[in-house]
Amino acid sequence: MTKAELVEKVSERIDLTKKQTEEIVNTIFGSITNSLSDGDKVELRGFGSFRVRSRDARQGRNPKTGETVQIPAKKVPFFKAGKELRGMVNS
């Protein structure tokens, strides 16, 4: 499902225009993004939680040349599905 499809489905259910619904969806995604940027955890009960994990620096390899390259440490977003979501997906 794309963001546009999500906006369309939500706008049908809550009887708002697509423009209003898109603003709501963008606000939700923006809030999640801002919280993760600040290092906070975002938990949506029944759905799952978002957090930031740190990856250590490591050695990698350029597949084209075979040359060893250093990959720097970085932070990556991580999502863990909640119990209800896992149950719905597995049923």
PDB file of N, CA and C in Angstrom:
ATOM      1  N   MET A   1       0.843  -1.173   0.000  1.00  0.00           N
ATOM      2  CA  MET A   1       0.000   0.000   0.000  1.00  0.00           C
ATOM      3  C   MET A   1       0.891   1.240   0.000  1.00  0.00           C
ATOM      4  N   THR A   2       0.578   2.156  -0.866  1.00  0.00           N
ATOM      5  CA  THR A   2       1.327   3.404  -0.934  1.00  0.00           C
ATOM      6  C   THR A   2       0.679   4.442  -0.015  1.00  0.00           C
ATOM      7  N   LYS A   3       1.383   5.546   0.182  1.00  0.00           N
ATOM      8  CA  LYS A   3       0.845   6.615   1.007  1.00  0.00           C
ATOM      9  C   LYS A   3      -0.449   7.169   0.399  1.00  0.00           C
ATOM     10  N   ALA A   4      -0.486   7.294  -0.923  1.00  0.00           N
ATOM     11  CA  ALA A   4      -1.690   7.792  -1.601  1.00  0.00           C
ATOM     12  C   ALA A   4      -2.870   6.850  -1.373  1.00  0.00           C
ATOM     13  N   GLU A   5      -2.628   5.542  -1.415  1.00  0.00           N
ATOM     14  CA  GLU A   5      -3.690   4.575  -1.163  1.00  0.00           C
ATOM     15  C   GLU A   5      -4.170   4.651   0.284  1.00  0.00           C
ATOM     16  N   LEU A   6      -3.237   4.860   1.209  1.00  0.00           N
ATOM     17  CA  LEU A   6      -3.593   5.007   2.613  1.00  0.00           C
ATOM     18  C   LEU A   6      -4.487   6.232   2.800  1.00  0.00           C
ATOM     19  N   VAL A   7      -4.103   7.343   2.195  1.00  0.00           N
ATOM     20  CA  VAL A   7      -4.893   8.574   2.288  1.00  0.00           C
ATOM     21  C   VAL A   7      -6.300   8.334   1.748  1.00  0.00           C
ATOM     22  N   GLU A   8      -6.393   7.650   0.633  1.00  0.00           N
ATOM     23  CA  GLU A   8      -7.699   7.385   0.022  1.00  0.00           C
ATOM     24  C   GLU A   8      -8.580   6.530   0.941  1.00  0.00           C
ATOM     25  N   LYS A   9      -8.020   5.452   1.489  1.00  0.00           N
ATOM     26  CA  LYS A   9      -8.794   4.572   2.381  1.00  0.00           C
ATOM     27  C   LYS A   9      -9.254   5.313   3.630  1.00  0.00           C
ATOM     28  N   VAL A  10      -8.359   6.091   4.223  1.00  0.00           N
ATOM     29  CA  VAL A  10      -8.713   6.822   5.444  1.00  0.00           C
ATOM     30  C   VAL A  10      -9.772   7.876   5.145  1.00  0.00           C
ATOM     31  N   SER A  11      -9.633   8.588   4.038  1.00  0.00           N
ATOM     32  CA  SER A  11     -10.606   9.641   3.706  1.00  0.00           C
ATOM     33  C   SER A  11     -11.997   9.057   3.478  1.00  0.00           C
ATOM     34  N   GLU A  12     -12.076   7.843   2.952  1.00  0.00           N
ATOM     35  CA  GLU A  12     -13.370   7.186   2.765  1.00  0.00           C
ATOM     36  C   GLU A  12     -14.022   6.839   4.103  1.00  0.00           C
ATOM     37  N   ARG A  13     -13.208   6.433   5.067  1.00  0.00           N
ATOM     38  CA  ARG A  13     -13.750   5.995   6.361  1.00  0.00           C
ATOM     39  C   ARG A  13     -14.153   7.142   7.266  1.00  0.00           C
ATOM     40  N   ILE A  14     -13.433   8.268   7.214  1.00  0.00           N
ATOM     41  CA  ILE A  14     -13.718   9.349   8.165  1.00  0.00           C
ATOM     42  C   ILE A  14     -14.447  10.524   7.527  1.00  0.00           C
ATOM     43  N   ASP A  15     -14.812  10.385   6.252  1.00  0.00           N
ATOM     44  CA  ASP A  15     -15.616  11.394   5.568  1.00  0.00           C
ATOM     45  C   ASP A  15     -14.950  12.778   5.566  1.00  0.00           C
ATOM     46  N   LEU A  16     -13.670  12.804   5.217  1.00  0.00           N
ATOM     47  CA  LEU A  16     -12.943  14.053   5.014  1.00  0.00           C
ATOM     48  C   LEU A  16     -12.443  14.074   3.576  1.00  0.00           C
ATOM     49  N   THR A  17     -12.036  15.251   3.112  1.00  0.00           N
ATOM     50  CA  THR A  17     -11.473  15.338   1.766  1.00  0.00           C
ATOM     51  C   THR A  17     -10.108  14.672   1.762  1.00  0.00           C
ATOM     52  N   LYS A  18      -9.660  14.315   0.579  1.00  0.00           N
ATOM     53  CA  LYS A  18      -8.331  13.701   0.457  1.00  0.00           C
ATOM     54  C   LYS A  18      -7.253  14.677   0.912  1.00  0.00           C
ATOM     55  N   LYS A  19      -7.442  15.959   0.628  1.00  0.00           N
ATOM     56  CA  LYS A  19      -6.463  16.975   1.021  1.00  0.00           C
ATOM     57  C   LYS A  19      -6.344  17.052   2.543  1.00  0.00           C
ATOM     58  N   GLN A  20      -7.493  17.045   3.243  1.00  0.00           N
ATOM     59  CA  GLN A  20      -7.479  17.082   4.708  1.00  0.00           C
ATOM     60  C   GLN A  20      -6.854  15.814   5.279  1.00  0.00           C
ATOM     61  N   THR A  21      -7.209  14.687   4.700  1.00  0.00           N
ATOM     62  CA  THR A  21      -6.674  13.406   5.166  1.00  0.00           C
ATOM     63  C   THR A  21      -5.176  13.326   4.926  1.00  0.00           C
ATOM     64  N   GLU A  22      -4.712  13.824   3.777  1.00  0.00           N
ATOM     65  CA  GLU A  22      -3.280  13.817   3.486  1.00  0.00           C
ATOM     66  C   GLU A  22      -2.521  14.655   4.507  1.00  0.00           C
ATOM     67  N   GLU A  23      -3.094  15.767   4.928  1.00  0.00           N
ATOM     68  CA  GLU A  23      -2.456  16.615   5.937  1.00  0.00           C
ATOM     69  C   GLU A  23      -2.345  15.866   7.267  1.00  0.00           C
ATOM     70  N   ILE A  24      -3.386  15.118   7.627  1.00  0.00           N
ATOM     71  CA  ILE A  24      -3.366  14.334   8.866  1.00  0.00           C
ATOM     72  C   ILE A  24      -2.293  13.246   8.791  1.00  0.00           C
ATOM     73  N   VAL A  25      -2.259  12.516   7.678  1.00  0.00           N
ATOM     74  CA  VAL A  25      -1.275  11.438   7.504  1.00  0.00           C
ATOM     75  C   VAL A  25       0.143  12.006   7.532  1.00  0.00           C
ATOM     76  N   ASN A  26       0.368  13.128   6.850  1.00  0.00           N
ATOM     77  CA  ASN A  26       1.692  13.760   6.844  1.00  0.00           C
ATOM     78  C   ASN A  26       2.088  14.220   8.239  1.00  0.00           C
ATOM     79  N   THR A  27       1.125  14.722   9.012  1.00  0.00           N
ATOM     80  CA  THR A  27       1.400  15.157  10.384  1.00  0.00           C
ATOM     81  C   THR A  27       1.814  13.970  11.252  1.00  0.00           C
ATOM     82  N   ILE A  28       1.124  12.849  11.106  1.00  0.00           N
ATOM     83  CA  ILE A  28       1.461  11.649  11.878  1.00  0.00           C
ATOM     84  C   ILE A  28       2.865  11.170  11.525  1.00  0.00           C
ATOM     85  N   PHE A  29       3.143  11.033  10.217  1.00  0.00           N
ATOM     86  CA  PHE A  29       4.477  10.590   9.800  1.00  0.00           C
ATOM     87  C   PHE A  29       5.555  11.575  10.241  1.00  0.00           C
ATOM     88  N   GLY A  30       5.268  12.859  10.145  1.00  0.00           N
ATOM     89  CA  GLY A  30       6.226  13.881  10.577  1.00  0.00           C
ATOM     90  C   GLY A  30       6.515  13.796  12.060  1.00  0.00           C
ATOM     91  N   SER A  31       5.470  13.550  12.855  1.00  0.00           N
ATOM     92  CA  SER A  31       5.649  13.433  14.304  1.00  0.00           C
ATOM     93  C   SER A  31       6.509  12.222  14.654  1.00  0.00           C
ATOM     94  N   ILE A  32       6.267  11.105  13.975  1.00  0.00           N
ATOM     95  CA  ILE A  32       7.079   9.900  14.205  1.00  0.00           C
ATOM     96  C   ILE A  32       8.528  10.175  13.828  1.00  0.00           C
ATOM     97  N   THR A  33       8.737  10.797  12.668  1.00  0.00           N
ATOM     98  CA  THR A  33      10.090  11.109  12.201  1.00  0.00           C
ATOM     99  C   THR A  33      10.812  12.043  13.167  1.00  0.00           C
ATOM    100  N   ASN A  34      10.123  13.088  13.627  1.00  0.00           N
ATOM    101  CA  ASN A  34      10.747  14.041  14.557  1.00  0.00           C
ATOM    102  C   ASN A  34      11.109  13.381  15.873  1.00  0.00           C
ATOM    103  N   SER A  35      10.241  12.530  16.383  1.00  0.00           N
ATOM    104  CA  SER A  35      10.531  11.840  17.642  1.00  0.00           C
ATOM    105  C   SER A  35      11.747  10.932  17.504  1.00  0.00           C
ATOM    106  N   LEU A  36      11.824  10.201  16.387  1.00  0.00           N
ATOM    107  CA  LEU A  36      12.985   9.327  16.168  1.00  0.00           C
ATOM    108  C   LEU A  36      14.258  10.142  16.009  1.00  0.00           C
ATOM    109  N   SER A  37      14.174  11.304  15.347  1.00  0.00           N
ATOM    110  CA  SER A  37      15.352  12.169  15.183  1.00  0.00           C
ATOM    111  C   SER A  37      15.863  12.664  16.526  1.00  0.00           C
ATOM    112  N   ASP A  38      14.926  12.871  17.462  1.00  0.00           N
ATOM    113  CA  ASP A  38      15.298  13.338  18.801  1.00  0.00           C
ATOM    114  C   ASP A  38      15.773  12.195  19.696  1.00  0.00           C
ATOM    115  N   GLY A  39      15.758  10.969  19.159  1.00  0.00           N
ATOM    116  CA  GLY A  39      16.220   9.816  19.926  1.00  0.00           C
ATOM    117  C   GLY A  39      15.136   9.172  20.767  1.00  0.00           C
ATOM    118  N   ASP A  40      13.882   9.598  20.594  1.00  0.00           N
ATOM    119  CA  ASP A  40      12.780   9.032  21.368  1.00  0.00           C
ATOM    120  C   ASP A  40      12.232   7.774  20.704  1.00  0.00           C
ATOM    121  N   LYS A  41      11.539   6.980  21.497  1.00  0.00           N
ATOM    122  CA  LYS A  41      10.862   5.776  21.008  1.00  0.00           C
ATOM    123  C   LYS A  41       9.397   6.148  20.751  1.00  0.00           C
ATOM    124  N   VAL A  42       8.804   5.597  19.705  1.00  0.00           N
ATOM    125  CA  VAL A  42       7.393   5.825  19.399  1.00  0.00           C
ATOM    126  C   VAL A  42       6.674   4.488  19.516  1.00  0.00           C
ATOM    127  N   GLU A  43       5.684   4.413  20.400  1.00  0.00           N
ATOM    128  CA  GLU A  43       4.959   3.165  20.611  1.00  0.00           C
ATOM    129  C   GLU A  43       3.490   3.380  20.298  1.00  0.00           C
ATOM    130  N   LEU A  44       2.970   2.560  19.382  1.00  0.00           N
ATOM    131  CA  LEU A  44       1.563   2.585  19.017  1.00  0.00           C
ATOM    132  C   LEU A  44       0.975   1.253  19.473  1.00  0.00           C
ATOM    133  N   ARG A  45       0.311   1.260  20.604  1.00  0.00           N
ATOM    134  CA  ARG A  45      -0.200   0.020  21.218  1.00  0.00           C
ATOM    135  C   ARG A  45      -1.038  -0.780  20.233  1.00  0.00           C
ATOM    136  N   GLY A  46      -0.772  -2.060  20.160  1.00  0.00           N
ATOM    137  CA  GLY A  46      -1.485  -2.949  19.268  1.00  0.00           C
ATOM    138  C   GLY A  46      -0.917  -2.977  17.861  1.00  0.00           C
ATOM    139  N   PHE A  47      -0.129  -1.969  17.504  1.00  0.00           N
ATOM    140  CA  PHE A  47       0.456  -1.910  16.160  1.00  0.00           C
ATOM    141  C   PHE A  47       1.935  -2.244  16.205  1.00  0.00           C
ATOM    142  N   GLY A  48       2.697  -1.483  16.991  1.00  0.00           N
ATOM    143  CA  GLY A  48       4.129  -1.747  17.103  1.00  0.00           C
ATOM    144  C   GLY A  48       4.866  -0.535  17.627  1.00  0.00           C
ATOM    145  N   SER A  49       6.186  -0.637  17.624  1.00  0.00           N
ATOM    146  CA  SER A  49       6.999   0.476  18.116  1.00  0.00           C
ATOM    147  C   SER A  49       8.153   0.750  17.159  1.00  0.00           C
ATOM    148  N   PHE A  50       8.500   2.029  17.095  1.00  0.00           N
ATOM    149  CA  PHE A  50       9.612   2.501  16.288  1.00  0.00           C
ATOM    150  C   PHE A  50      10.696   2.975  17.251  1.00  0.00           C
ATOM    151  N   ARG A  51      11.940   2.678  16.919  1.00  0.00           N
ATOM    152  CA  ARG A  51      13.062   3.197  17.702  1.00  0.00           C
ATOM    153  C   ARG A  51      14.273   3.311  16.791  1.00  0.00           C
ATOM    154  N   VAL A  52      15.308   3.940  17.295  1.00  0.00           N
ATOM    155  CA  VAL A  52      16.542   4.102  16.536  1.00  0.00           C
ATOM    156  C   VAL A  52      17.575   3.159  17.122  1.00  0.00           C
ATOM    157  N   ARG A  53      18.243   2.428  16.248  1.00  0.00           N
ATOM    158  CA  ARG A  53      19.328   1.541  16.668  1.00  0.00           C
ATOM    159  C   ARG A  53      20.634   2.043  16.082  1.00  0.00           C
ATOM    160  N   SER A  54      21.707   1.804  16.812  1.00  0.00           N
ATOM    161  CA  SER A  54      23.039   2.195  16.334  1.00  0.00           C
ATOM    162  C   SER A  54      23.717   1.005  15.679  1.00  0.00           C
ATOM    163  N   ARG A  55      24.323   1.255  14.540  1.00  0.00           N
ATOM    164  CA  ARG A  55      25.127   0.221  13.878  1.00  0.00           C
ATOM    165  C   ARG A  55      26.588   0.622  14.009  1.00  0.00           C
ATOM    166  N   ASP A  56      27.416  -0.322  14.404  1.00  0.00           N
ATOM    167  CA  ASP A  56      28.846  -0.063  14.556  1.00  0.00           C
ATOM    168  C   ASP A  56      29.510   0.066  13.194  1.00  0.00           C
ATOM    169  N   ALA A  57      30.664   0.715  13.195  1.00  0.00           N
ATOM    170  CA  ALA A  57      31.471   0.796  11.975  1.00  0.00           C
ATOM    171  C   ALA A  57      31.945  -0.614  11.644  1.00  0.00           C
ATOM    172  N   ARG A  58      32.112  -0.885  10.356  1.00  0.00           N
ATOM    173  CA  ARG A  58      32.546  -2.225   9.956  1.00  0.00           C
ATOM    174  C   ARG A  58      33.274  -2.171   8.629  1.00  0.00           C
ATOM    175  N   GLN A  59      33.895  -3.278   8.289  1.00  0.00           N
ATOM    176  CA  GLN A  59      34.578  -3.397   7.000  1.00  0.00           C
ATOM    177  C   GLN A  59      33.605  -3.999   6.001  1.00  0.00           C
ATOM    178  N   GLY A  60      33.582  -3.444   4.807  1.00  0.00           N
ATOM    179  CA  GLY A  60      32.747  -3.967   3.743  1.00  0.00           C
ATOM    180  C   GLY A  60      33.612  -4.215   2.518  1.00  0.00           C
ATOM    181  N   ARG A  61      32.965  -4.606   1.432  1.00  0.00           N
ATOM    182  CA  ARG A  61      33.712  -4.875   0.220  1.00  0.00           C
ATOM    183  C   ARG A  61      32.947  -4.312  -0.962  1.00  0.00           C
ATOM    184  N   ASN A  62      33.659  -3.615  -1.826  1.00  0.00           N
ATOM    185  CA  ASN A  62      33.067  -3.113  -3.061  1.00  0.00           C
ATOM    186  C   ASN A  62      32.876  -4.309  -3.987  1.00  0.00           C
ATOM    187  N   PRO A  63      31.625  -4.655  -4.330  1.00  0.00           N
ATOM    188  CA  PRO A  63      31.403  -5.855  -5.135  1.00  0.00           C
ATOM    189  C   PRO A  63      31.958  -5.756  -6.558  1.00  0.00           C
ATOM    190  N   LYS A  64      32.116  -4.548  -7.045  1.00  0.00           N
ATOM    191  CA  LYS A  64      32.607  -4.376  -8.406  1.00  0.00           C
ATOM    192  C   LYS A  64      34.117  -4.594  -8.500  1.00  0.00           C
ATOM    193  N   THR A  65      34.846  -4.015  -7.515  1.00  0.00           N
ATOM    194  CA  THR A  65      36.311  -4.094  -7.570  1.00  0.00           C
ATOM    195  C   THR A  65      36.902  -5.107  -6.596  1.00  0.00           C
ATOM    196  N   GLY A  66      36.115  -5.520  -5.596  1.00  0.00           N
ATOM    197  CA  GLY A  66      36.634  -6.435  -4.586  1.00  0.00           C
ATOM    198  C   GLY A  66      37.436  -5.718  -3.519  1.00  0.00           C
ATOM    199  N   GLU A  67      37.561  -4.400  -3.643  1.00  0.00           N
ATOM    200  CA  GLU A  67      38.351  -3.597  -2.702  1.00  0.00           C
ATOM    201  C   GLU A  67      37.632  -3.501  -1.355  1.00  0.00           C
ATOM    202  N   THR A  68      38.386  -3.572  -0.249  1.00  0.00           N
ATOM    203  CA  THR A  68      37.831  -3.435   1.089  1.00  0.00           C
ATOM    204  C   THR A  68      37.582  -1.953   1.365  1.00  0.00           C
ATOM    205  N   VAL A  69      36.408  -1.665   1.920  1.00  0.00           N
ATOM    206  CA  VAL A  69      36.068  -0.282   2.259  1.00  0.00           C
ATOM    207  C   VAL A  69      35.583  -0.226   3.700  1.00  0.00           C
ATOM    208  N   GLN A  70      35.785   0.914   4.336  1.00  0.00           N
ATOM    209  CA  GLN A  70      35.339   1.116   5.707  1.00  0.00           C
ATOM    210  C   GLN A  70      33.929   1.708   5.673  1.00  0.00           C
ATOM    211  N   ILE A  71      32.996   1.067   6.343  1.00  0.00           N
ATOM    212  CA  ILE A  71      31.624   1.565   6.441  1.00  0.00           C
ATOM    213  C   ILE A  71      31.487   2.218   7.813  1.00  0.00           C
ATOM    214  N   PRO A  72      31.143   3.511   7.852  1.00  0.00           N
ATOM    215  CA  PRO A  72      31.093   4.227   9.136  1.00  0.00           C
ATOM    216  C   PRO A  72      29.899   3.800  10.004  1.00  0.00           C
ATOM    217  N   ALA A  73      30.000   4.088  11.290  1.00  0.00           N
ATOM    218  CA  ALA A  73      28.897   3.828  12.215  1.00  0.00           C
ATOM    219  C   ALA A  73      27.734   4.747  11.839  1.00  0.00           C
ATOM    220  N   LYS A  74      26.515   4.261  12.083  1.00  0.00           N
ATOM    221  CA  LYS A  74      25.351   5.088  11.777  1.00  0.00           C
ATOM    222  C   LYS A  74      24.166   4.650  12.613  1.00  0.00           C
ATOM    223  N   LYS A  75      23.139   5.476  12.611  1.00  0.00           N
ATOM    224  CA  LYS A  75      21.893   5.158  13.301  1.00  0.00           C
ATOM    225  C   LYS A  75      20.854   4.819  12.244  1.00  0.00           C
ATOM    226  N   VAL A  76      20.040   3.792  12.525  1.00  0.00           N
ATOM    227  CA  VAL A  76      19.012   3.362  11.580  1.00  0.00           C
ATOM    228  C   VAL A  76      17.675   3.207  12.307  1.00  0.00           C
ATOM    229  N   PRO A  77      16.559   3.538  11.623  1.00  0.00           N
ATOM    230  CA  PRO A  77      15.251   3.327  12.242  1.00  0.00           C
ATOM    231  C   PRO A  77      14.930   1.834  12.271  1.00  0.00           C
ATOM    232  N   PHE A  78      14.206   1.413  13.309  1.00  0.00           N
ATOM    233  CA  PHE A  78      13.853   0.012  13.487  1.00  0.00           C
ATOM    234  C   PHE A  78      12.399  -0.069  13.927  1.00  0.00           C
ATOM    235  N   PHE A  79      11.634  -0.988  13.335  1.00  0.00           N
ATOM    236  CA  PHE A  79      10.236  -1.193  13.699  1.00  0.00           C
ATOM    237  C   PHE A  79      10.054  -2.596  14.249  1.00  0.00           C
ATOM    238  N   LYS A  80       9.361  -2.690  15.364  1.00  0.00           N
ATOM    239  CA  LYS A  80       9.034  -3.991  15.945  1.00  0.00           C
ATOM    240  C   LYS A  80       7.514  -4.087  16.013  1.00  0.00           C
ATOM    241  N   ALA A  81       6.955  -5.070  15.324  1.00  0.00           N
ATOM    242  CA  ALA A  81       5.505  -5.254  15.288  1.00  0.00           C
ATOM    243  C   ALA A  81       4.974  -5.641  16.657  1.00  0.00           C
ATOM    244  N   GLY A  82       3.805  -5.112  17.006  1.00  0.00           N
ATOM    245  CA  GLY A  82       3.148  -5.448  18.264  1.00  0.00           C
ATOM    246  C   GLY A  82       2.482  -6.812  18.200  1.00  0.00           C
ATOM    247  N   LYS A  83       2.083  -7.296  19.359  1.00  0.00           N
ATOM    248  CA  LYS A  83       1.497  -8.621  19.464  1.00  0.00           C
ATOM    249  C   LYS A  83       0.235  -8.762  18.614  1.00  0.00           C
ATOM    250  N   GLU A  84      -0.650  -7.759  18.650  1.00  0.00           N
ATOM    251  CA  GLU A  84      -1.893  -7.827  17.869  1.00  0.00           C
ATOM    252  C   GLU A  84      -1.615  -7.856  16.373  1.00  0.00           C
ATOM    253  N   LEU A  85      -0.686  -7.029  15.917  1.00  0.00           N
ATOM    254  CA  LEU A  85      -0.334  -6.984  14.480  1.00  0.00           C
ATOM    255  C   LEU A  85       0.253  -8.327  14.040  1.00  0.00           C
ATOM    256  N   ARG A  86       1.167  -8.867  14.832  1.00  0.00           N
ATOM    257  CA  ARG A  86       1.752 -10.175  14.506  1.00  0.00           C
ATOM    258  C   ARG A  86       0.660 -11.236  14.419  1.00  0.00           C
ATOM    259  N   GLY A  87      -0.280 -11.207  15.347  1.00  0.00           N
ATOM    260  CA  GLY A  87      -1.359 -12.177  15.357  1.00  0.00           C
ATOM    261  C   GLY A  87      -2.238 -12.062  14.126  1.00  0.00           C
ATOM    262  N   MET A  88      -2.536 -10.855  13.697  1.00  0.00           N
ATOM    263  CA  MET A  88      -3.379 -10.651  12.511  1.00  0.00           C
ATOM    264  C   MET A  88      -2.665 -11.094  11.239  1.00  0.00           C
ATOM    265  N   VAL A  89      -1.370 -10.839  11.161  1.00  0.00           N
ATOM    266  CA  VAL A  89      -0.593 -11.214   9.985  1.00  0.00           C
ATOM    267  C   VAL A  89      -0.462 -12.734   9.889  1.00  0.00           C
ATOM    268  N   ASN A  90      -0.316 -13.386  11.008  1.00  0.00           N
ATOM    269  CA  ASN A  90      -0.118 -14.840  11.029  1.00  0.00           C
ATOM    270  C   ASN A  90      -1.398 -15.648  10.985  1.00  0.00           C
ATOM    271  N   SER A  91      -2.557 -15.003  10.991  1.00  0.00           N
ATOM    272  CA  SER A  91      -3.813 -15.778  10.977  1.00  0.00           C
ATOM    273  C   SER A  91      -4.341 -15.981   9.569  1.00  0.00           C
TER     274      SER A  91
END
